[in-house]
Amino acid sequence: MPLAASRLLILALAAFALAGCATRNEAPSDMGDDDAFCRQNGVAVGSPAYVACRKDRDVQRSNAITRANRAQRNLGEYMMQNPNRP
């Protein structure tokens, strides 16, 4: 295999590996569209209730991301402290 082809293969594998890291902090997919959620509940766009609804959704999303990050960190710590257990 030529040297250029092997370098290209290594770069492609590195890109795929790093792509998983890039999506780590995405919002949970079950949250859906905030605007559609608030409108569905009968809140008029631009009203104080709409702003409060969007703010509540932001807090919920932030809490979900925090829980996911904490669970990932706890799993990593467990794996480091118990290397012999599957």
C-alpha atoms as a PDB file:
ATOM      1  CA  MET A   1       0.000   0.000   0.000  1.00  0.00           C
ATOM      2  CA  PRO A   2       1.469   3.366  -0.923  1.00  0.00           C
ATOM      3  CA  LEU A   3       2.441   5.752   1.829  1.00  0.00           C
ATOM      4  CA  ALA A   4      -0.160   8.358   0.809  1.00  0.00           C
ATOM      5  CA  ALA A   5      -2.982   5.799   0.963  1.00  0.00           C
ATOM      6  CA  SER A   6      -1.977   4.647   4.443  1.00  0.00           C
ATOM      7  CA  ARG A   7      -1.858   8.250   5.663  1.00  0.00           C
ATOM      8  CA  LEU A   8      -5.289   8.865   4.211  1.00  0.00           C
ATOM      9  CA  LEU A   9      -6.620   5.767   5.963  1.00  0.00           C
ATOM     10  CA  ILE A  10      -5.147   6.880   9.286  1.00  0.00           C
ATOM     11  CA  LEU A  11      -6.648  10.354   8.905  1.00  0.00           C
ATOM     12  CA  ALA A  12     -10.061   8.884   8.065  1.00  0.00           C
ATOM     13  CA  LEU A  13      -9.989   6.629  11.129  1.00  0.00           C
ATOM     14  CA  ALA A  14      -8.962   9.550  13.336  1.00  0.00           C
ATOM     15  CA  ALA A  15     -11.790  11.671  11.909  1.00  0.00           C
ATOM     16  CA  PHE A  16     -14.356   8.961  12.681  1.00  0.00           C
ATOM     17  CA  ALA A  17     -13.019   8.572  16.203  1.00  0.00           C
ATOM     18  CA  LEU A  18     -13.183  12.313  16.858  1.00  0.00           C
ATOM     19  CA  ALA A  19     -16.668  12.611  15.368  1.00  0.00           C
ATOM     20  CA  GLY A  20     -18.048  10.740  18.370  1.00  0.00           C
ATOM     21  CA  CYS A  21     -16.517  13.319  20.692  1.00  0.00           C
ATOM     22  CA  ALA A  22     -18.040  16.191  18.742  1.00  0.00           C
ATOM     23  CA  THR A  23     -21.578  14.980  19.422  1.00  0.00           C
ATOM     24  CA  ARG A  24     -21.060  14.350  23.132  1.00  0.00           C
ATOM     25  CA  ASN A  25     -22.837  17.483  24.388  1.00  0.00           C
ATOM     26  CA  GLU A  26     -25.798  17.502  22.055  1.00  0.00           C
ATOM     27  CA  ALA A  27     -29.216  18.153  23.501  1.00  0.00           C
ATOM     28  CA  PRO A  28     -31.343  15.089  24.187  1.00  0.00           C
ATOM     29  CA  SER A  29     -33.348  14.141  21.123  1.00  0.00           C
ATOM     30  CA  ASP A  30     -36.525  13.512  23.097  1.00  0.00           C
ATOM     31  CA  MET A  31     -36.791  17.206  23.998  1.00  0.00           C
ATOM     32  CA  GLY A  32     -38.028  18.131  20.529  1.00  0.00           C
ATOM     33  CA  ASP A  33     -38.536  21.630  19.187  1.00  0.00           C
ATOM     34  CA  ASP A  34     -38.995  24.221  21.932  1.00  0.00           C
ATOM     35  CA  ASP A  35     -40.960  26.637  19.774  1.00  0.00           C
ATOM     36  CA  ALA A  36     -43.390  23.941  18.654  1.00  0.00           C
ATOM     37  CA  PHE A  37     -43.782  22.694  22.226  1.00  0.00           C
ATOM     38  CA  CYS A  38     -44.605  26.130  23.604  1.00  0.00           C
ATOM     39  CA  ARG A  39     -46.987  26.952  20.740  1.00  0.00           C
ATOM     40  CA  GLN A  40     -48.713  23.586  21.115  1.00  0.00           C
ATOM     41  CA  ASN A  41     -49.530  24.488  24.704  1.00  0.00           C
ATOM     42  CA  GLY A  42     -51.351  27.605  23.515  1.00  0.00           C
ATOM     43  CA  VAL A  43     -48.734  30.182  24.418  1.00  0.00           C
ATOM     44  CA  ALA A  44     -48.525  33.217  22.098  1.00  0.00           C
ATOM     45  CA  VAL A  45     -45.111  33.998  20.657  1.00  0.00           C
ATOM     46  CA  GLY A  46     -43.525  37.011  22.342  1.00  0.00           C
ATOM     47  CA  SER A  47     -45.680  36.902  25.453  1.00  0.00           C
ATOM     48  CA  PRO A  48     -44.166  36.606  28.933  1.00  0.00           C
ATOM     49  CA  ALA A  49     -45.612  33.095  29.179  1.00  0.00           C
ATOM     50  CA  TYR A  50     -43.794  32.136  25.954  1.00  0.00           C
ATOM     51  CA  VAL A  51     -40.494  33.469  27.312  1.00  0.00           C
ATOM     52  CA  ALA A  52     -41.042  31.537  30.547  1.00  0.00           C
ATOM     53  CA  CYS A  53     -41.876  28.374  28.584  1.00  0.00           C
ATOM     54  CA  ARG A  54     -38.687  28.656  26.522  1.00  0.00           C
ATOM     55  CA  LYS A  55     -36.635  29.348  29.640  1.00  0.00           C
ATOM     56  CA  ASP A  56     -38.113  26.282  31.352  1.00  0.00           C
ATOM     57  CA  ARG A  57     -37.242  24.155  28.324  1.00  0.00           C
ATOM     58  CA  ASP A  58     -33.660  25.476  28.407  1.00  0.00           C
ATOM     59  CA  VAL A  59     -33.375  24.538  32.081  1.00  0.00           C
ATOM     60  CA  GLN A  60     -34.777  21.062  31.390  1.00  0.00           C
ATOM     61  CA  ARG A  61     -32.311  20.549  28.536  1.00  0.00           C
ATOM     62  CA  SER A  62     -29.395  21.762  30.660  1.00  0.00           C
ATOM     63  CA  ASN A  63     -30.386  19.409  33.478  1.00  0.00           C
ATOM     64  CA  ALA A  64     -30.620  16.475  31.059  1.00  0.00           C
ATOM     65  CA  ILE A  65     -27.154  17.210  29.668  1.00  0.00           C
ATOM     66  CA  THR A  66     -25.766  17.525  33.199  1.00  0.00           C
ATOM     67  CA  ARG A  67     -27.289  14.158  34.179  1.00  0.00           C
ATOM     68  CA  ALA A  68     -25.855  12.481  31.069  1.00  0.00           C
ATOM     69  CA  ASN A  69     -22.408  13.952  31.710  1.00  0.00           C
ATOM     70  CA  ARG A  70     -22.512  12.858  35.347  1.00  0.00           C
ATOM     71  CA  ALA A  71     -23.555   9.329  34.368  1.00  0.00           C
ATOM     72  CA  GLN A  72     -20.707   9.137  31.837  1.00  0.00           C
ATOM     73  CA  ARG A  73     -18.201  10.392  34.410  1.00  0.00           C
ATOM     74  CA  ASN A  74     -19.470   7.924  37.021  1.00  0.00           C
ATOM     75  CA  LEU A  75     -19.158   5.058  34.545  1.00  0.00           C
ATOM     76  CA  GLY A  76     -15.585   6.057  33.713  1.00  0.00           C
ATOM     77  CA  GLU A  77     -14.675   6.278  37.390  1.00  0.00           C
ATOM     78  CA  TYR A  78     -16.256   2.884  38.066  1.00  0.00           C
ATOM     79  CA  MET A  79     -14.311   1.331  35.190  1.00  0.00           C
ATOM     80  CA  MET A  80     -11.056   2.840  36.443  1.00  0.00           C
ATOM     81  CA  GLN A  81     -11.619   1.615  40.013  1.00  0.00           C
ATOM     82  CA  ASN A  82     -12.797  -1.868  38.986  1.00  0.00           C
ATOM     83  CA  PRO A  83     -10.636  -2.948  36.040  1.00  0.00           C
ATOM     84  CA  ASN A  84     -11.240  -6.671  36.550  1.00  0.00           C
ATOM     85  CA  ARG A  85     -15.035  -6.562  36.563  1.00  0.00           C
ATOM     86  CA  PRO A  86     -16.885  -6.664  33.246  1.00  0.00           C
END
